[in-house]
């Protein structure tokens, strides 16, 4: 109701420098509320009404306020995992001189603006007097979940440099997760970046950031390349090839100048977490890829398959294609599948774009399918050709481009938010009320699965988790039971889960 109320009244007030923020939980601090406005310019005044769960934020200009409103209209901000709602205030400016208990909020505001405008001496002074500044270090640990589109070092720089001078970044993979360490010039920069970005998504519905403070106090960077970067040094080698980084990609800290060209956006893609035009935003070179038509190869070569057991449900050769359509379809929209005529243990799978192909490679290469370990890589072919009219290819090529089973028709759908590696635990949804736990256990057992556990979601009995004997069993079960027809227009939806029972 609160969301509808705010949505309906957001534009009833004329644009104002003062923004009204509502539904703030009691444990949210002044600094966290102020941080909502910092990416868009200077915050000139602030009033917190904790008893009412509300606050007023005054920006330096109407343009900054409009920019902030436009951004949060499409990306509702969260504070302490709770959504807060913003609208223009009827006030044209805030007067807080005669209000009680405003010393601490005003000190917080002054300290925040000091950091935003580089006056670290004032920041240190307020830290010593009020103790309200964070005690954590300047290195952040960033975990990116649901990596549906590529996340590069340049994208991270674009996002995090809005909150201060980024000195160093290193990216790596750990526990099947995309992670990065990022070092700021000052701990306050790290503090405000964490408060503002933790829990948000780089793109709509995917590439979600989870941020905490690292135990490291400083990063040691040996190479300037695609995985690591020290912006204070342009003399570091590129790596094995000893190729040095192009000076045009450096942002020397000594001059405190960011020389990246401005971000120009890309057709077909909503602006990423990089804030809207008008915000205080140094940006990166290059463009963020669009949802469709991402350049690069989108055709997978899947080898070491078991042709003897891949005829699922019959003898028609075309049925051999279905397992690849379903299993690969967990990570993108499969357009075409082809089994090689002379080598039935090799398949080609064409995804909707290159990023989905790369996602499928990351998660499926090395997984077991029907007793063999799949090898998944990019093919030399750029597309899968359909048979010419009248040509009989024994049903070894199939076009799935218009299939109703595509999971990712809308980039912001829940499917984009729940992309996980293959696991022994499956997430089931669209379960009809008439289906019991025993019905589901028997269904999976009938396909050869060993059911180790099952539970319905407490808040939604249409969904549940089922844990099987192995990851390979779960892959087989997903292939055979995704879209299983329970009757009365109830088709089971199956995907991999990050949880266990």
Protein backbone atom coordinates (compact mmCIF):
# COMPACT_ATOMS: atom_id res chain seq x y z
CA UNK A 1 0.00 0.00 0.00
CA UNK A 2 2.85 2.34 0.83
CA UNK A 3 4.43 1.69 -2.56
CA UNK A 4 1.16 2.40 -4.38
CA UNK A 5 0.61 5.53 -2.31
CA UNK A 6 4.04 6.91 -3.14
CA UNK A 7 3.80 5.89 -6.80
CA UNK A 8 0.52 7.70 -7.14
CA UNK A 9 1.71 10.87 -5.47
CA UNK A 10 5.28 11.02 -6.73
CA UNK A 11 4.60 13.58 -9.41
CA UNK A 12 1.67 15.42 -7.82
CA UNK A 13 4.18 17.86 -6.27
CA UNK A 14 6.20 20.12 -8.50
CA UNK A 15 9.93 19.34 -8.64
CA UNK A 16 11.71 20.70 -5.59
CA UNK A 17 15.23 20.63 -4.19
CA UNK A 18 13.72 18.95 -1.11
CA UNK A 19 12.91 15.25 -1.31
CA UNK A 20 10.62 13.42 1.11
CA UNK A 21 11.83 9.91 2.03
CA UNK A 22 9.39 7.52 3.73
CA UNK A 23 9.19 4.08 5.29
CA UNK A 24 12.65 4.24 6.87
CA UNK A 25 13.22 1.50 9.46
CA UNK A 26 14.22 2.58 12.95
CA UNK A 27 17.76 1.15 12.78
CA UNK A 28 18.76 3.19 9.71
CA UNK A 29 21.32 5.91 10.46
CA UNK A 30 21.50 9.50 9.22
CA UNK A 31 24.60 8.66 7.17
CA UNK A 32 22.78 5.91 5.29
CA UNK A 33 19.93 8.22 4.32
CA UNK A 34 22.29 11.01 3.25
CA UNK A 35 24.21 8.48 1.12
CA UNK A 36 21.12 8.10 -1.10
CA UNK A 37 21.67 11.61 -2.43
CA UNK A 38 25.46 11.80 -2.62
CA UNK A 39 25.87 10.24 -6.10
CA UNK A 40 23.70 12.99 -7.55
CA UNK A 41 25.45 16.03 -6.07
CA UNK A 42 25.87 17.96 -2.85
CA UNK A 43 23.29 17.45 -0.09
CA UNK A 44 22.79 20.92 1.43
CA UNK A 45 20.42 20.11 4.30
CA UNK A 46 18.91 17.15 6.05
CA UNK A 47 16.14 16.40 8.53
CA UNK A 48 15.47 12.98 10.07
CA UNK A 49 12.14 12.17 11.77
CA UNK A 50 12.98 8.81 13.31
CA UNK A 51 9.72 8.46 15.20
CA UNK A 52 7.80 8.70 11.93
CA UNK A 53 10.23 6.71 9.79
CA UNK A 54 10.69 9.71 7.50
CA UNK A 55 13.41 12.12 6.38
CA UNK A 56 13.83 15.21 4.21
CA UNK A 57 16.86 15.63 1.97
CA UNK A 58 17.70 18.97 0.39
CA UNK A 59 19.85 18.90 -2.73
CA UNK A 60 21.98 21.77 -4.01
CA UNK A 61 19.86 22.21 -7.14
CA UNK A 62 16.53 21.18 -8.62
CA UNK A 63 18.44 19.46 -11.42
CA UNK A 64 20.19 17.18 -8.90
CA UNK A 65 16.87 16.41 -7.20
CA UNK A 66 15.20 15.58 -10.51
CA UNK A 67 18.12 13.35 -11.46
CA UNK A 68 17.82 11.52 -8.14
CA UNK A 69 14.05 11.12 -8.53
CA UNK A 70 14.35 9.82 -12.08
CA UNK A 71 16.90 7.23 -11.02
CA UNK A 72 15.06 5.92 -7.96
CA UNK A 73 11.76 5.85 -9.88
CA UNK A 74 13.18 2.83 -11.74
CA UNK A 75 15.41 1.40 -8.99
CA UNK A 76 13.72 1.55 -5.59
CA UNK A 77 16.46 2.02 -2.96
CA UNK A 78 16.81 -0.36 -0.02
CA UNK A 79 18.10 0.49 3.45
CA UNK A 80 18.69 -2.46 5.75
CA UNK A 81 16.90 -4.74 3.28
CA UNK A 82 13.75 -2.61 3.40
CA UNK A 83 12.50 -0.51 0.45
CA UNK A 84 12.21 3.23 1.04
CA UNK A 85 10.13 5.54 -1.12
CA UNK A 86 11.02 9.01 -2.35
CA UNK A 87 8.88 11.85 -3.66
CA UNK A 88 9.17 15.60 -4.13
CA UNK A 89 8.35 17.60 -1.01
CA UNK A 90 6.03 20.62 -0.85
CA UNK A 91 8.90 22.43 0.89
CA UNK A 92 11.20 24.45 -1.37
CA UNK A 93 13.97 24.47 1.24
CA UNK A 94 14.61 23.09 4.72
CA UNK A 95 14.96 25.24 7.81
CA UNK A 96 16.55 23.27 10.64
CA UNK A 97 18.21 26.01 12.70
CA UNK A 98 15.58 26.04 15.46
CA UNK A 99 15.02 22.30 15.70
CA UNK A 100 16.38 20.29 18.62
CA UNK A 101 18.81 17.37 18.33
CA UNK A 102 20.13 18.51 14.96
CA UNK A 103 23.80 18.79 15.89
CA UNK A 104 24.66 15.18 15.07
CA UNK A 105 22.75 15.00 11.76
CA UNK A 106 24.29 18.29 10.62
CA UNK A 107 27.76 17.05 11.56
CA UNK A 108 27.11 13.86 9.61
CA UNK A 109 25.96 15.90 6.63
CA UNK A 110 29.02 18.14 6.73
CA UNK A 111 31.33 15.16 6.97
CA UNK A 112 29.62 13.45 4.04
CA UNK A 113 29.93 16.51 1.83
CA UNK A 114 33.56 16.87 2.89
CA UNK A 115 34.28 13.42 1.51
CA UNK A 116 32.20 14.02 -1.60
CA UNK A 117 34.23 17.12 -2.44
CA UNK A 118 37.61 15.81 -1.41
CA UNK A 119 38.12 17.78 1.82
CA UNK A 120 39.62 14.96 3.85
CA UNK A 121 41.00 17.33 6.50
CA UNK A 122 37.45 18.33 7.50
CA UNK A 123 36.47 14.67 7.44
CA UNK A 124 39.26 13.77 9.86
CA UNK A 125 38.30 16.61 12.16
CA UNK A 126 34.69 15.47 12.37
CA UNK A 127 35.84 11.91 12.89
CA UNK A 128 37.85 13.00 15.90
CA UNK A 129 35.08 15.12 17.40
CA UNK A 130 31.95 13.04 16.82
CA UNK A 131 33.17 9.52 16.15
CA UNK A 132 30.42 9.03 13.61
CA UNK A 133 32.64 8.02 10.70
CA UNK A 134 33.23 4.32 10.01
CA UNK A 135 36.14 2.46 11.52
CA UNK A 136 36.44 -0.06 8.68
CA UNK A 137 39.19 0.02 6.12
CA UNK A 138 39.26 1.23 2.55
CA UNK A 139 39.16 -2.20 0.86
CA UNK A 140 35.81 -3.69 -0.14
CA UNK A 141 35.05 -7.29 -0.98
CA UNK A 142 32.45 -7.49 -3.76
CA UNK A 143 30.49 -10.64 -4.61
CA UNK A 144 28.35 -10.55 -7.76
CA UNK A 145 25.48 -13.04 -7.93
CA UNK A 146 23.30 -13.98 -10.92
CA UNK A 147 25.96 -13.02 -13.45
CA UNK A 148 23.67 -13.05 -16.46
CA UNK A 149 25.76 -10.47 -18.35
CA UNK A 150 29.53 -10.03 -18.29
CA UNK A 151 30.98 -7.94 -15.44
CA UNK A 152 34.32 -6.40 -16.34
CA UNK A 153 36.88 -4.44 -14.40
CA UNK A 154 35.86 -1.31 -16.29
CA UNK A 155 32.21 -1.72 -15.29
CA UNK A 156 33.20 -2.03 -11.62
CA UNK A 157 35.34 1.09 -11.96
CA UNK A 158 32.47 3.00 -13.54
CA UNK A 159 30.11 2.13 -10.70
CA UNK A 160 32.40 2.51 -7.69
CA UNK A 161 34.31 5.60 -8.81
CA UNK A 162 31.14 7.62 -8.20
CA UNK A 163 31.87 7.42 -4.49
CA UNK A 164 35.53 8.38 -4.48
CA UNK A 165 38.95 7.70 -5.96
CA UNK A 166 39.42 4.02 -6.79
CA UNK A 167 43.07 3.04 -6.40
CA UNK A 168 43.13 -0.68 -7.18
CA UNK A 169 40.84 -3.50 -8.34
CA UNK A 170 41.44 -7.24 -8.62
CA UNK A 171 38.83 -9.76 -9.87
CA UNK A 172 38.77 -13.52 -9.29
CA UNK A 173 36.50 -16.55 -8.98
CA UNK A 174 36.03 -18.31 -5.64
CA UNK A 175 33.52 -21.01 -4.69
CA UNK A 176 31.91 -20.67 -8.13
CA UNK A 177 31.28 -16.99 -7.42
CA UNK A 178 32.46 -13.86 -9.20
CA UNK A 179 34.34 -11.77 -6.62
CA UNK A 180 36.45 -8.64 -6.59
CA UNK A 181 38.52 -6.62 -4.14
CA UNK A 182 38.47 -2.85 -4.57
CA UNK A 183 40.59 -0.31 -2.71
CA UNK A 184 39.57 3.32 -2.25
CA UNK A 185 41.81 6.26 -1.40
CA UNK A 186 39.91 6.73 1.86
CA UNK A 187 37.78 4.60 4.18
CA UNK A 188 34.87 7.05 3.95
CA UNK A 189 34.63 6.42 0.22
CA UNK A 190 34.39 2.69 0.89
CA UNK A 191 31.80 3.27 3.61
CA UNK A 192 29.44 5.29 1.42
CA UNK A 193 29.89 2.94 -1.54
CA UNK A 194 28.96 -0.04 0.60
CA UNK A 195 25.90 1.72 2.06
CA UNK A 196 24.66 2.86 -1.34
CA UNK A 197 25.38 -0.17 -3.51
CA UNK A 198 25.04 -3.25 -1.32
CA UNK A 199 22.09 -5.33 -2.54
CA UNK A 200 21.57 -3.42 -5.81
CA UNK A 201 21.86 -4.95 -9.27
CA UNK A 202 24.15 -3.71 -12.03
CA UNK A 203 21.52 -4.58 -14.62
CA UNK A 204 17.78 -4.96 -14.13
CA UNK A 205 17.19 -8.18 -12.25
CA UNK A 206 20.71 -9.63 -12.44
CA UNK A 207 24.37 -9.13 -11.52
CA UNK A 208 23.48 -8.33 -7.90
CA UNK A 209 26.16 -6.77 -5.68
CA UNK A 210 26.87 -8.04 -2.16
CA UNK A 211 29.49 -5.88 -0.49
CA UNK A 212 31.35 -6.06 2.81
CA UNK A 213 34.66 -4.82 4.18
CA UNK A 214 37.79 -6.87 3.51
CA UNK A 215 40.26 -7.71 6.25
CA UNK A 216 43.02 -6.52 3.93
CA UNK A 217 44.27 -2.99 4.47
CA UNK A 218 45.87 -2.67 1.04
CA UNK A 219 45.96 -4.55 -2.25
CA UNK A 220 49.16 -5.66 -3.97
CA UNK A 221 48.77 -5.57 -7.75
CA UNK A 222 51.45 -7.16 -9.94
CA UNK A 223 49.86 -6.67 -13.36
CA UNK A 224 47.67 -4.12 -15.11
CA UNK A 225 45.35 -6.22 -17.26
CA UNK A 226 41.72 -7.31 -17.60
CA UNK A 227 41.66 -8.93 -14.15
CA UNK A 228 43.68 -6.53 -12.03
CA UNK A 229 44.51 -2.86 -12.15
CA UNK A 230 46.55 -0.42 -10.09
CA UNK A 231 45.38 3.05 -11.15
CA UNK A 232 48.30 4.68 -9.34
CA UNK A 233 50.90 2.96 -11.54
CA UNK A 234 51.00 2.82 -15.32
CA UNK A 235 54.36 1.06 -15.44
CA UNK A 236 53.16 -2.40 -14.37
CA UNK A 237 53.40 -5.19 -16.98
CA UNK A 238 50.32 -6.72 -18.59
CA UNK A 239 51.21 -10.27 -17.55
CA UNK A 240 52.88 -13.13 -19.40
CA UNK A 241 53.17 -11.07 -22.56
CA UNK A 242 54.69 -8.16 -20.60
CA UNK A 243 52.47 -5.79 -22.58
CA UNK A 244 51.93 -2.59 -20.62
CA UNK A 245 48.53 -1.08 -20.18
CA UNK A 246 47.42 1.57 -22.60
CA UNK A 247 48.01 4.91 -20.80
CA UNK A 248 44.60 6.09 -22.01
CA UNK A 249 43.03 3.52 -19.65
CA UNK A 250 44.82 4.81 -16.59
CA UNK A 251 43.47 7.22 -14.00
CA UNK A 252 46.58 8.56 -12.22
CA UNK A 253 45.81 9.20 -8.57
CA UNK A 254 48.59 11.76 -8.38
CA UNK A 255 46.54 14.19 -10.44
CA UNK A 256 43.20 13.00 -9.02
CA UNK A 257 41.81 13.18 -12.54
CA UNK A 258 39.68 10.55 -14.21
CA UNK A 259 40.34 10.64 -17.93
CA UNK A 260 37.96 7.93 -19.10
CA UNK A 261 35.63 9.13 -21.86
CA UNK A 262 31.98 9.49 -20.82
CA UNK A 263 29.65 6.49 -20.89
CA UNK A 264 27.39 6.68 -23.89
CA UNK A 265 24.96 3.86 -23.13
CA UNK A 266 23.76 1.19 -25.51
CA UNK A 267 20.58 0.71 -27.45
CA UNK A 268 18.20 -1.84 -26.07
CA UNK A 269 19.65 -1.88 -22.57
CA UNK A 270 18.48 0.04 -19.54
CA UNK A 271 21.26 2.15 -18.05
CA UNK A 272 23.27 -0.01 -15.65
CA UNK A 273 23.89 0.83 -12.04
CA UNK A 274 25.98 3.69 -13.32
CA UNK A 275 23.72 6.56 -12.28
CA UNK A 276 21.62 8.55 -14.78
CA UNK A 277 22.80 11.46 -16.84
CA UNK A 278 23.42 14.48 -14.63
CA UNK A 279 24.88 12.59 -11.67
CA UNK A 280 28.47 13.22 -10.65
CA UNK A 281 29.85 10.34 -12.70
CA UNK A 282 33.28 9.62 -14.08
CA UNK A 283 32.69 6.71 -16.46
CA UNK A 284 34.58 4.04 -18.32
CA UNK A 285 35.60 3.67 -21.90
CA UNK A 286 33.58 1.32 -24.04
CA UNK A 287 29.91 0.52 -23.99
CA UNK A 288 27.87 -1.77 -21.82
CA UNK A 289 26.53 -4.57 -24.03
CA UNK A 290 22.90 -4.54 -25.01
CA UNK A 291 20.48 -7.32 -24.10
CA UNK A 292 20.20 -8.50 -27.67
CA UNK A 293 22.74 -8.59 -30.44
CA UNK A 294 25.81 -8.74 -28.18
CA UNK A 295 28.75 -9.12 -30.56
CA UNK A 296 30.69 -12.35 -30.36
CA UNK A 297 30.07 -16.02 -30.93
CA UNK A 298 26.86 -17.45 -29.47
CA UNK A 299 27.28 -21.05 -30.69
CA UNK A 300 28.45 -23.70 -28.22
CA UNK A 301 30.35 -26.86 -29.06
CA UNK A 302 29.34 -29.60 -26.61
CA UNK A 303 31.41 -32.79 -26.88
CA UNK A 304 32.05 -36.11 -25.13
CA UNK A 305 28.33 -36.87 -25.08
CA UNK A 306 26.90 -40.35 -24.66
CA UNK A 307 24.87 -41.06 -27.82
CA UNK A 308 23.78 -44.50 -26.58
CA UNK A 309 21.59 -43.15 -23.77
CA UNK A 310 20.61 -39.74 -25.13
CA UNK A 311 17.48 -41.01 -26.92
CA UNK A 312 15.11 -39.85 -24.21
CA UNK A 313 11.55 -41.07 -24.51
CA UNK A 314 11.72 -42.73 -27.94
CA UNK A 315 13.75 -43.58 -31.01
CA UNK A 316 13.21 -40.42 -33.04
CA UNK A 317 16.64 -38.86 -33.56
CA UNK A 318 15.23 -35.39 -32.99
CA UNK A 319 14.57 -36.33 -29.35
CA UNK A 320 18.34 -36.38 -28.79
CA UNK A 321 18.21 -32.59 -29.10
CA UNK A 322 15.78 -31.98 -26.27
CA UNK A 323 18.21 -32.59 -23.36
CA UNK A 324 20.55 -29.92 -24.69
CA UNK A 325 17.70 -27.47 -25.19
CA UNK A 326 16.48 -27.93 -21.59
CA UNK A 327 19.83 -28.14 -19.77
CA UNK A 328 21.45 -25.25 -21.65
CA UNK A 329 18.19 -23.30 -21.43
CA UNK A 330 18.77 -22.83 -17.70
CA UNK A 331 21.41 -20.23 -18.63
CA UNK A 332 19.89 -18.55 -21.67
CA UNK A 333 17.42 -18.84 -24.52
CA UNK A 334 18.41 -21.66 -26.87
CA UNK A 335 17.60 -20.88 -30.49
CA UNK A 336 18.90 -23.96 -32.32
CA UNK A 337 20.47 -27.35 -31.56
CA UNK A 338 22.29 -29.68 -33.96
CA UNK A 339 23.76 -33.15 -33.46
CA UNK A 340 26.76 -33.77 -35.76
CA UNK A 341 25.78 -36.35 -38.39
CA UNK A 342 29.00 -38.39 -38.33
CA UNK A 343 29.87 -37.75 -34.67
CA UNK A 344 26.76 -38.26 -32.57
CA UNK A 345 28.73 -37.49 -29.40
CA UNK A 346 29.06 -33.82 -30.44
CA UNK A 347 26.34 -31.17 -30.46
CA UNK A 348 26.13 -27.53 -31.46
CA UNK A 349 23.89 -25.25 -29.38
CA UNK A 350 23.10 -21.70 -30.52
CA UNK A 351 22.21 -19.29 -27.71
CA UNK A 352 20.43 -15.94 -28.04
CA UNK A 353 23.68 -13.99 -27.62
CA UNK A 354 27.34 -14.29 -26.68
CA UNK A 355 26.91 -13.51 -22.99
CA UNK A 356 24.42 -16.36 -22.56
CA UNK A 357 26.80 -18.68 -24.39
CA UNK A 358 29.60 -17.72 -22.02
CA UNK A 359 27.32 -18.22 -19.03
CA UNK A 360 26.47 -21.74 -20.22
CA UNK A 361 30.15 -22.54 -20.66
CA UNK A 362 30.97 -21.30 -17.16
CA UNK A 363 28.32 -23.49 -15.53
CA UNK A 364 28.07 -26.58 -17.76
CA UNK A 365 31.64 -27.32 -18.80
CA UNK A 366 32.81 -30.33 -16.80
CA UNK A 367 29.33 -31.40 -15.66
CA UNK A 368 28.34 -35.05 -16.01
CA UNK A 369 25.48 -35.94 -18.37
CA UNK A 370 24.39 -39.56 -18.75
CA UNK A 371 27.64 -40.96 -17.42
CA UNK A 372 30.07 -38.74 -19.31
CA UNK A 373 31.77 -35.45 -18.48
CA UNK A 374 30.63 -32.79 -20.96
CA UNK A 375 33.18 -30.51 -22.60
CA UNK A 376 31.59 -27.17 -23.42
CA UNK A 377 33.34 -24.42 -25.34
CA UNK A 378 32.70 -21.91 -28.13
CA UNK A 379 32.30 -23.29 -31.63
CA UNK A 380 34.11 -22.01 -34.70
CA UNK A 381 30.67 -21.63 -36.31
CA UNK A 382 28.83 -18.32 -35.87
CA UNK A 383 25.37 -19.80 -36.50
CA UNK A 384 23.62 -23.15 -36.95
CA UNK A 385 22.20 -23.50 -40.44
CA UNK A 386 18.75 -25.06 -40.71
CA UNK A 387 18.27 -27.82 -43.31
CA UNK A 388 17.35 -26.59 -46.76
CA UNK A 389 13.81 -27.25 -47.94
CA UNK A 390 13.50 -30.88 -48.93
CA UNK A 391 16.77 -31.84 -47.24
CA UNK A 392 16.53 -34.76 -44.79
CA UNK A 393 19.04 -34.41 -41.98
CA UNK A 394 17.50 -37.26 -39.97
CA UNK A 395 15.99 -34.82 -37.46
CA UNK A 396 19.42 -33.84 -36.14
CA UNK A 397 18.75 -30.09 -36.32
CA UNK A 398 15.92 -28.31 -34.55
CA UNK A 399 14.86 -24.68 -34.28
CA UNK A 400 13.75 -23.62 -30.77
CA UNK A 401 13.81 -19.85 -31.37
CA UNK A 402 10.04 -19.50 -30.77
CA UNK A 403 9.75 -22.06 -27.99
CA UNK A 404 7.34 -21.20 -25.15
CA UNK A 405 9.82 -22.82 -22.74
CA UNK A 406 12.35 -19.98 -22.96
CA UNK A 407 13.14 -18.80 -19.42
CA UNK A 408 14.57 -15.38 -20.24
CA UNK A 409 12.06 -13.57 -22.42
CA UNK A 410 12.21 -10.56 -20.07
CA UNK A 411 15.63 -9.47 -18.71
CA UNK A 412 14.10 -8.34 -15.41
CA UNK A 413 12.18 -11.56 -14.73
CA UNK A 414 12.72 -13.66 -11.62
CA UNK A 415 14.46 -16.28 -13.77
CA UNK A 416 17.28 -13.77 -14.35
CA UNK A 417 17.63 -13.36 -10.60
CA UNK A 418 17.93 -17.09 -9.91
CA UNK A 419 20.77 -18.36 -12.08
CA UNK A 420 22.91 -20.85 -10.16
CA UNK A 421 25.42 -23.60 -10.96
CA UNK A 422 24.11 -27.16 -11.26
CA UNK A 423 23.49 -28.56 -7.78
CA UNK A 424 21.89 -31.59 -6.17
CA UNK A 425 19.05 -29.40 -4.87
CA UNK A 426 16.35 -28.34 -7.32
CA UNK A 427 13.87 -25.49 -6.96
CA UNK A 428 10.34 -26.50 -7.98
CA UNK A 429 7.55 -24.04 -8.74
CA UNK A 430 4.03 -23.98 -10.17
CA UNK A 431 3.09 -27.01 -8.07
CA UNK A 432 -0.71 -27.49 -8.05
CA UNK A 433 -2.45 -27.67 -4.63
CA UNK A 434 -3.55 -31.25 -5.23
CA UNK A 435 0.04 -32.55 -5.49
CA UNK A 436 1.49 -33.92 -2.24
CA UNK A 437 5.05 -34.47 -1.04
CA UNK A 438 4.76 -38.18 -1.77
CA UNK A 439 3.49 -37.45 -5.28
CA UNK A 440 6.58 -35.37 -6.01
CA UNK A 441 8.98 -37.86 -4.42
CA UNK A 442 7.47 -40.69 -6.46
CA UNK A 443 7.62 -38.61 -9.64
CA UNK A 444 11.35 -37.96 -9.26
CA UNK A 445 12.03 -41.56 -8.14
CA UNK A 446 10.31 -42.80 -11.30
CA UNK A 447 13.01 -41.04 -13.31
CA UNK A 448 15.79 -42.80 -11.43
CA UNK A 449 16.47 -40.09 -8.85
CA UNK A 450 17.39 -40.78 -5.24
CA UNK A 451 15.28 -38.37 -3.19
CA UNK A 452 17.08 -37.36 0.00
CA UNK A 453 14.76 -34.61 1.13
CA UNK A 454 11.87 -32.34 0.23
CA UNK A 455 10.18 -29.31 1.73
CA UNK A 456 7.49 -26.87 0.63
CA UNK A 457 8.06 -23.13 1.07
CA UNK A 458 6.21 -21.94 4.17
CA UNK A 459 4.81 -18.83 2.52
CA UNK A 460 4.07 -20.37 -0.87
CA UNK A 461 3.03 -24.02 -1.20
CA UNK A 462 3.32 -23.73 -4.97
CA UNK A 463 7.11 -23.88 -4.54
CA UNK A 464 9.47 -26.31 -2.88
CA UNK A 465 13.00 -27.70 -2.74
CA UNK A 466 13.94 -31.30 -3.51
CA UNK A 467 17.38 -32.69 -2.77
CA UNK A 468 18.63 -35.59 -4.91
CA UNK A 469 21.50 -38.02 -4.59
CA UNK A 470 23.97 -36.15 -6.81
CA UNK A 471 24.40 -33.20 -9.14
CA UNK A 472 24.23 -35.55 -12.14
CA UNK A 473 20.88 -36.93 -10.94
CA UNK A 474 19.60 -33.36 -10.59
CA UNK A 475 20.68 -32.51 -14.15
CA UNK A 476 18.87 -35.59 -15.48
CA UNK A 477 15.75 -34.80 -13.43
CA UNK A 478 15.68 -31.20 -14.61
CA UNK A 479 15.90 -32.34 -18.24
CA UNK A 480 13.11 -34.89 -17.88
CA UNK A 481 10.73 -33.10 -15.51
CA UNK A 482 10.94 -29.41 -16.36
CA UNK A 483 7.53 -28.52 -17.83
CA UNK A 484 6.03 -31.80 -16.57
CA UNK A 485 2.27 -31.65 -17.11
CA UNK A 486 0.21 -32.13 -13.94
CA UNK A 487 -2.99 -31.38 -15.84
CA UNK A 488 -5.33 -28.39 -15.65
CA UNK A 489 -2.66 -26.10 -17.14
CA UNK A 490 -0.16 -26.79 -14.35
CA UNK A 491 3.33 -27.37 -15.75
CA UNK A 492 6.15 -27.97 -13.28
CA UNK A 493 9.02 -25.48 -13.39
CA UNK A 494 12.43 -26.86 -12.38
CA UNK A 495 15.69 -24.96 -11.84
CA UNK A 496 18.88 -25.33 -9.82
CA UNK A 497 18.88 -23.95 -6.28
CA UNK A 498 21.66 -22.36 -4.24
CA UNK A 499 20.06 -23.71 -1.04
CA UNK A 500 20.22 -27.11 0.60
CA UNK A 501 17.68 -28.90 2.76
